[in-house]
Amino acid sequence: MPTLAPEDRELLVLKHLEGLTYEELAQRLGVPAGTVMSRLYHARRRFREKFTARQDGHLAGTDE
């Protein structure tokens, strides 16, 4: 089963499960809000790619 990188998991959990705003995330992580938005964009993309590939049965036990 594919797993997310800890950094991606942290961002996604804080934003989507705990409901932090971009500014709150920026303060918590010590980075600008623009960096948070960029990191979230890429974390969501990686999550979507892994989830879609897994659903389509293309992973066969790898993270590719």
PDB file of N, CA and C in Angstrom:
ATOM      1  N   MET A   1       0.843  -1.179   0.000  1.00  0.00           N
ATOM      2  CA  MET A   1       0.000   0.000   0.000  1.00  0.00           C
ATOM      3  C   MET A   1       0.892   1.248   0.000  1.00  0.00           C
ATOM      4  N   PRO A   2       0.634   2.195  -0.873  1.00  0.00           N
ATOM      5  CA  PRO A   2       1.472   3.386  -0.926  1.00  0.00           C
ATOM      6  C   PRO A   2       1.249   4.254   0.300  1.00  0.00           C
ATOM      7  N   THR A   3       2.306   4.896   0.723  1.00  0.00           N
ATOM      8  CA  THR A   3       2.192   5.788   1.862  1.00  0.00           C
ATOM      9  C   THR A   3       2.658   7.178   1.465  1.00  0.00           C
ATOM     10  N   LEU A   4       2.164   8.152   2.184  1.00  0.00           N
ATOM     11  CA  LEU A   4       2.576   9.525   1.945  1.00  0.00           C
ATOM     12  C   LEU A   4       3.836   9.835   2.739  1.00  0.00           C
ATOM     13  N   ALA A   5       4.615  10.747   2.210  1.00  0.00           N
ATOM     14  CA  ALA A   5       5.770  11.240   2.956  1.00  0.00           C
ATOM     15  C   ALA A   5       5.250  11.930   4.220  1.00  0.00           C
ATOM     16  N   PRO A   6       5.991  11.864   5.301  1.00  0.00           N
ATOM     17  CA  PRO A   6       5.529  12.491   6.549  1.00  0.00           C
ATOM     18  C   PRO A   6       5.177  13.974   6.387  1.00  0.00           C
ATOM     19  N   GLU A   7       5.931  14.697   5.566  1.00  0.00           N
ATOM     20  CA  GLU A   7       5.667  16.121   5.354  1.00  0.00           C
ATOM     21  C   GLU A   7       4.318  16.325   4.660  1.00  0.00           C
ATOM     22  N   ASP A   8       4.033  15.487   3.665  1.00  0.00           N
ATOM     23  CA  ASP A   8       2.753  15.580   2.964  1.00  0.00           C
ATOM     24  C   ASP A   8       1.606  15.241   3.908  1.00  0.00           C
ATOM     25  N   ARG A   9       1.780  14.173   4.658  1.00  0.00           N
ATOM     26  CA  ARG A   9       0.740  13.736   5.593  1.00  0.00           C
ATOM     27  C   ARG A   9       0.434  14.833   6.611  1.00  0.00           C
ATOM     28  N   GLU A  10       1.498  15.437   7.159  1.00  0.00           N
ATOM     29  CA  GLU A  10       1.315  16.499   8.150  1.00  0.00           C
ATOM     30  C   GLU A  10       0.501  17.654   7.584  1.00  0.00           C
ATOM     31  N   LEU A  11       0.885  18.121   6.407  1.00  0.00           N
ATOM     32  CA  LEU A  11       0.168  19.235   5.791  1.00  0.00           C
ATOM     33  C   LEU A  11      -1.296  18.894   5.522  1.00  0.00           C
ATOM     34  N   LEU A  12      -1.537  17.736   4.943  1.00  0.00           N
ATOM     35  CA  LEU A  12      -2.899  17.352   4.603  1.00  0.00           C
ATOM     36  C   LEU A  12      -3.772  17.178   5.840  1.00  0.00           C
ATOM     37  N   VAL A  13      -3.220  16.602   6.881  1.00  0.00           N
ATOM     38  CA  VAL A  13      -3.984  16.418   8.122  1.00  0.00           C
ATOM     39  C   VAL A  13      -4.294  17.773   8.760  1.00  0.00           C
ATOM     40  N   LEU A  14      -3.285  18.620   8.867  1.00  0.00           N
ATOM     41  CA  LEU A  14      -3.500  19.921   9.494  1.00  0.00           C
ATOM     42  C   LEU A  14      -4.506  20.770   8.718  1.00  0.00           C
ATOM     43  N   LYS A  15      -4.445  20.727   7.408  1.00  0.00           N
ATOM     44  CA  LYS A  15      -5.346  21.543   6.585  1.00  0.00           C
ATOM     45  C   LYS A  15      -6.745  20.948   6.513  1.00  0.00           C
ATOM     46  N   HIS A  16      -6.843  19.671   6.181  1.00  0.00           N
ATOM     47  CA  HIS A  16      -8.152  19.098   5.863  1.00  0.00           C
ATOM     48  C   HIS A  16      -8.848  18.417   7.031  1.00  0.00           C
ATOM     49  N   LEU A  17      -8.106  17.945   8.003  1.00  0.00           N
ATOM     50  CA  LEU A  17      -8.753  17.301   9.151  1.00  0.00           C
ATOM     51  C   LEU A  17      -8.848  18.241  10.351  1.00  0.00           C
ATOM     52  N   GLU A  18      -7.818  19.038  10.553  1.00  0.00           N
ATOM     53  CA  GLU A  18      -7.841  19.966  11.686  1.00  0.00           C
ATOM     54  C   GLU A  18      -8.334  21.354  11.302  1.00  0.00           C
ATOM     55  N   GLY A  19      -8.424  21.630  10.001  1.00  0.00           N
ATOM     56  CA  GLY A  19      -9.023  22.874   9.532  1.00  0.00           C
ATOM     57  C   GLY A  19      -8.184  24.131   9.677  1.00  0.00           C
ATOM     58  N   LEU A  20      -6.868  23.995   9.766  1.00  0.00           N
ATOM     59  CA  LEU A  20      -6.023  25.180   9.875  1.00  0.00           C
ATOM     60  C   LEU A  20      -6.063  25.978   8.570  1.00  0.00           C
ATOM     61  N   THR A  21      -5.969  27.293   8.707  1.00  0.00           N
ATOM     62  CA  THR A  21      -5.911  28.162   7.536  1.00  0.00           C
ATOM     63  C   THR A  21      -4.486  28.167   6.990  1.00  0.00           C
ATOM     64  N   TYR A  22      -4.315  28.752   5.810  1.00  0.00           N
ATOM     65  CA  TYR A  22      -2.976  28.867   5.244  1.00  0.00           C
ATOM     66  C   TYR A  22      -2.071  29.666   6.177  1.00  0.00           C
ATOM     67  N   GLU A  23      -2.599  30.738   6.734  1.00  0.00           N
ATOM     68  CA  GLU A  23      -1.802  31.569   7.647  1.00  0.00           C
ATOM     69  C   GLU A  23      -1.427  30.803   8.908  1.00  0.00           C
ATOM     70  N   GLU A  24      -2.364  30.041   9.456  1.00  0.00           N
ATOM     71  CA  GLU A  24      -2.062  29.241  10.648  1.00  0.00           C
ATOM     72  C   GLU A  24      -1.003  28.185  10.345  1.00  0.00           C
ATOM     73  N   LEU A  25      -1.116  27.566   9.186  1.00  0.00           N
ATOM     74  CA  LEU A  25      -0.104  26.592   8.776  1.00  0.00           C
ATOM     75  C   LEU A  25       1.255  27.258   8.617  1.00  0.00           C
ATOM     76  N   ALA A  26       1.261  28.434   7.994  1.00  0.00           N
ATOM     77  CA  ALA A  26       2.518  29.163   7.779  1.00  0.00           C
ATOM     78  C   ALA A  26       3.188  29.475   9.116  1.00  0.00           C
ATOM     79  N   GLN A  27       2.414  29.945  10.079  1.00  0.00           N
ATOM     80  CA  GLN A  27       2.969  30.259  11.399  1.00  0.00           C
ATOM     81  C   GLN A  27       3.493  28.996  12.078  1.00  0.00           C
ATOM     82  N   ARG A  28       2.719  27.948  12.004  1.00  0.00           N
ATOM     83  CA  ARG A  28       3.101  26.693  12.671  1.00  0.00           C
ATOM     84  C   ARG A  28       4.373  26.091  12.071  1.00  0.00           C
ATOM     85  N   LEU A  29       4.492  26.189  10.734  1.00  0.00           N
ATOM     86  CA  LEU A  29       5.636  25.590  10.050  1.00  0.00           C
ATOM     87  C   LEU A  29       6.808  26.556   9.887  1.00  0.00           C
ATOM     88  N   GLY A  30       6.581  27.837  10.168  1.00  0.00           N
ATOM     89  CA  GLY A  30       7.650  28.824  10.057  1.00  0.00           C
ATOM     90  C   GLY A  30       8.036  29.142   8.630  1.00  0.00           C
ATOM     91  N   VAL A  31       7.052  29.110   7.725  1.00  0.00           N
ATOM     92  CA  VAL A  31       7.301  29.422   6.312  1.00  0.00           C
ATOM     93  C   VAL A  31       6.225  30.395   5.837  1.00  0.00           C
ATOM     94  N   PRO A  32       6.461  31.088   4.713  1.00  0.00           N
ATOM     95  CA  PRO A  32       5.438  31.993   4.176  1.00  0.00           C
ATOM     96  C   PRO A  32       4.182  31.232   3.722  1.00  0.00           C
ATOM     97  N   ALA A  33       3.049  31.927   3.714  1.00  0.00           N
ATOM     98  CA  ALA A  33       1.784  31.319   3.292  1.00  0.00           C
ATOM     99  C   ALA A  33       1.871  30.809   1.853  1.00  0.00           C
ATOM    100  N   GLY A  34       2.589  31.511   0.995  1.00  0.00           N
ATOM    101  CA  GLY A  34       2.755  31.062  -0.390  1.00  0.00           C
ATOM    102  C   GLY A  34       3.455  29.711  -0.463  1.00  0.00           C
ATOM    103  N   THR A  35       4.400  29.488   0.416  1.00  0.00           N
ATOM    104  CA  THR A  35       5.098  28.199   0.476  1.00  0.00           C
ATOM    105  C   THR A  35       4.146  27.107   0.922  1.00  0.00           C
ATOM    106  N   VAL A  36       3.291  27.422   1.890  1.00  0.00           N
ATOM    107  CA  VAL A  36       2.285  26.458   2.355  1.00  0.00           C
ATOM    108  C   VAL A  36       1.374  26.062   1.199  1.00  0.00           C
ATOM    109  N   MET A  37       0.911  27.056   0.443  1.00  0.00           N
ATOM    110  CA  MET A  37       0.015  26.773  -0.680  1.00  0.00           C
ATOM    111  C   MET A  37       0.693  25.886  -1.716  1.00  0.00           C
ATOM    112  N   SER A  38       1.951  26.182  -2.007  1.00  0.00           N
ATOM    113  CA  SER A  38       2.699  25.387  -2.970  1.00  0.00           C
ATOM    114  C   SER A  38       2.892  23.959  -2.475  1.00  0.00           C
ATOM    115  N   ARG A  39       3.287  23.826  -1.220  1.00  0.00           N
ATOM    116  CA  ARG A  39       3.498  22.488  -0.653  1.00  0.00           C
ATOM    117  C   ARG A  39       2.199  21.689  -0.628  1.00  0.00           C
ATOM    118  N   LEU A  40       1.093  22.352  -0.292  1.00  0.00           N
ATOM    119  CA  LEU A  40      -0.200  21.660  -0.287  1.00  0.00           C
ATOM    120  C   LEU A  40      -0.597  21.221  -1.691  1.00  0.00           C
ATOM    121  N   TYR A  41      -0.366  22.071  -2.661  1.00  0.00           N
ATOM    122  CA  TYR A  41      -0.679  21.713  -4.043  1.00  0.00           C
ATOM    123  C   TYR A  41       0.045  20.420  -4.429  1.00  0.00           C
ATOM    124  N   HIS A  42       1.325  20.367  -4.132  1.00  0.00           N
ATOM    125  CA  HIS A  42       2.119  19.193  -4.503  1.00  0.00           C
ATOM    126  C   HIS A  42       1.758  17.968  -3.661  1.00  0.00           C
ATOM    127  N   ALA A  43       1.468  18.173  -2.384  1.00  0.00           N
ATOM    128  CA  ALA A  43       1.060  17.061  -1.518  1.00  0.00           C
ATOM    129  C   ALA A  43      -0.263  16.468  -2.005  1.00  0.00           C
ATOM    130  N   ARG A  44      -1.199  17.319  -2.380  1.00  0.00           N
ATOM    131  CA  ARG A  44      -2.492  16.838  -2.900  1.00  0.00           C
ATOM    132  C   ARG A  44      -2.303  16.081  -4.206  1.00  0.00           C
ATOM    133  N   ARG A  45      -1.438  16.608  -5.050  1.00  0.00           N
ATOM    134  CA  ARG A  45      -1.182  15.949  -6.335  1.00  0.00           C
ATOM    135  C   ARG A  45      -0.586  14.566  -6.115  1.00  0.00           C
ATOM    136  N   ARG A  46       0.403  14.465  -5.223  1.00  0.00           N
ATOM    137  CA  ARG A  46       1.013  13.161  -4.943  1.00  0.00           C
ATOM    138  C   ARG A  46      -0.001  12.197  -4.330  1.00  0.00           C
ATOM    139  N   PHE A  47      -0.829  12.699  -3.421  1.00  0.00           N
ATOM    140  CA  PHE A  47      -1.869  11.863  -2.818  1.00  0.00           C
ATOM    141  C   PHE A  47      -2.819  11.346  -3.894  1.00  0.00           C
ATOM    142  N   ARG A  48      -3.281  12.255  -4.747  1.00  0.00           N
ATOM    143  CA  ARG A  48      -4.219  11.893  -5.812  1.00  0.00           C
ATOM    144  C   ARG A  48      -3.610  10.858  -6.757  1.00  0.00           C
ATOM    145  N   GLU A  49      -2.348  11.042  -7.123  1.00  0.00           N
ATOM    146  CA  GLU A  49      -1.682  10.100  -8.021  1.00  0.00           C
ATOM    147  C   GLU A  49      -1.591   8.710  -7.392  1.00  0.00           C
ATOM    148  N   LYS A  50      -1.199   8.656  -6.126  1.00  0.00           N
ATOM    149  CA  LYS A  50      -1.085   7.359  -5.449  1.00  0.00           C
ATOM    150  C   LYS A  50      -2.439   6.708  -5.261  1.00  0.00           C
ATOM    151  N   PHE A  51      -3.432   7.498  -4.867  1.00  0.00           N
ATOM    152  CA  PHE A  51      -4.763   6.959  -4.645  1.00  0.00           C
ATOM    153  C   PHE A  51      -5.365   6.466  -5.960  1.00  0.00           C
ATOM    154  N   THR A  52      -5.240   7.252  -7.007  1.00  0.00           N
ATOM    155  CA  THR A  52      -5.789   6.872  -8.311  1.00  0.00           C
ATOM    156  C   THR A  52      -5.099   5.624  -8.843  1.00  0.00           C
ATOM    157  N   ALA A  53      -3.780   5.585  -8.750  1.00  0.00           N
ATOM    158  CA  ALA A  53      -3.037   4.421  -9.233  1.00  0.00           C
ATOM    159  C   ALA A  53      -3.442   3.179  -8.452  1.00  0.00           C
ATOM    160  N   ARG A  54      -3.622   3.323  -7.165  1.00  0.00           N
ATOM    161  CA  ARG A  54      -4.013   2.176  -6.335  1.00  0.00           C
ATOM    162  C   ARG A  54      -5.408   1.708  -6.724  1.00  0.00           C
ATOM    163  N   GLN A  55      -6.307   2.642  -6.935  1.00  0.00           N
ATOM    164  CA  GLN A  55      -7.673   2.294  -7.317  1.00  0.00           C
ATOM    165  C   GLN A  55      -7.712   1.618  -8.691  1.00  0.00           C
ATOM    166  N   ASP A  56      -6.828   2.028  -9.577  1.00  0.00           N
ATOM    167  CA  ASP A  56      -6.774   1.452 -10.916  1.00  0.00           C
ATOM    168  C   ASP A  56      -6.016   0.131 -10.958  1.00  0.00           C
ATOM    169  N   GLY A  57      -5.384  -0.229  -9.848  1.00  0.00           N
ATOM    170  CA  GLY A  57      -4.652  -1.480  -9.779  1.00  0.00           C
ATOM    171  C   GLY A  57      -3.311  -1.457 -10.465  1.00  0.00           C
ATOM    172  N   HIS A  58      -2.717  -0.273 -10.602  1.00  0.00           N
ATOM    173  CA  HIS A  58      -1.456  -0.145 -11.325  1.00  0.00           C
ATOM    174  C   HIS A  58      -0.227  -0.233 -10.429  1.00  0.00           C
ATOM    175  N   LEU A  59      -0.390  -0.255  -9.126  1.00  0.00           N
ATOM    176  CA  LEU A  59       0.787  -0.195  -8.256  1.00  0.00           C
ATOM    177  C   LEU A  59       1.490  -1.525  -8.104  1.00  0.00           C
ATOM    178  N   ALA A  60       0.771  -2.580  -7.976  1.00  0.00           N
ATOM    179  CA  ALA A  60       1.355  -3.916  -7.816  1.00  0.00           C
ATOM    180  C   ALA A  60       2.441  -3.930  -6.747  1.00  0.00           C
ATOM    181  N   GLY A  61       2.167  -3.220  -5.628  1.00  0.00           N
ATOM    182  CA  GLY A  61       3.088  -3.250  -4.513  1.00  0.00           C
ATOM    183  C   GLY A  61       4.234  -2.274  -4.569  1.00  0.00           C
ATOM    184  N   THR A  62       4.224  -1.328  -5.508  1.00  0.00           N
ATOM    185  CA  THR A  62       5.294  -0.325  -5.579  1.00  0.00           C
ATOM    186  C   THR A  62       4.703   1.051  -5.405  1.00  0.00           C
ATOM    187  N   ASP A  63       5.564   2.021  -5.230  1.00  0.00           N
ATOM    188  CA  ASP A  63       5.143   3.418  -5.109  1.00  0.00           C
ATOM    189  C   ASP A  63       5.250   4.150  -6.442  1.00  0.00           C
ATOM    190  N   GLU A  64       5.407   3.446  -7.519  1.00  0.00           N
ATOM    191  CA  GLU A  64       5.555   4.100  -8.830  1.00  0.00           C
ATOM    192  C   GLU A  64       4.209   4.450  -9.411  1.00  0.00           C
TER     193      GLU A  64
END
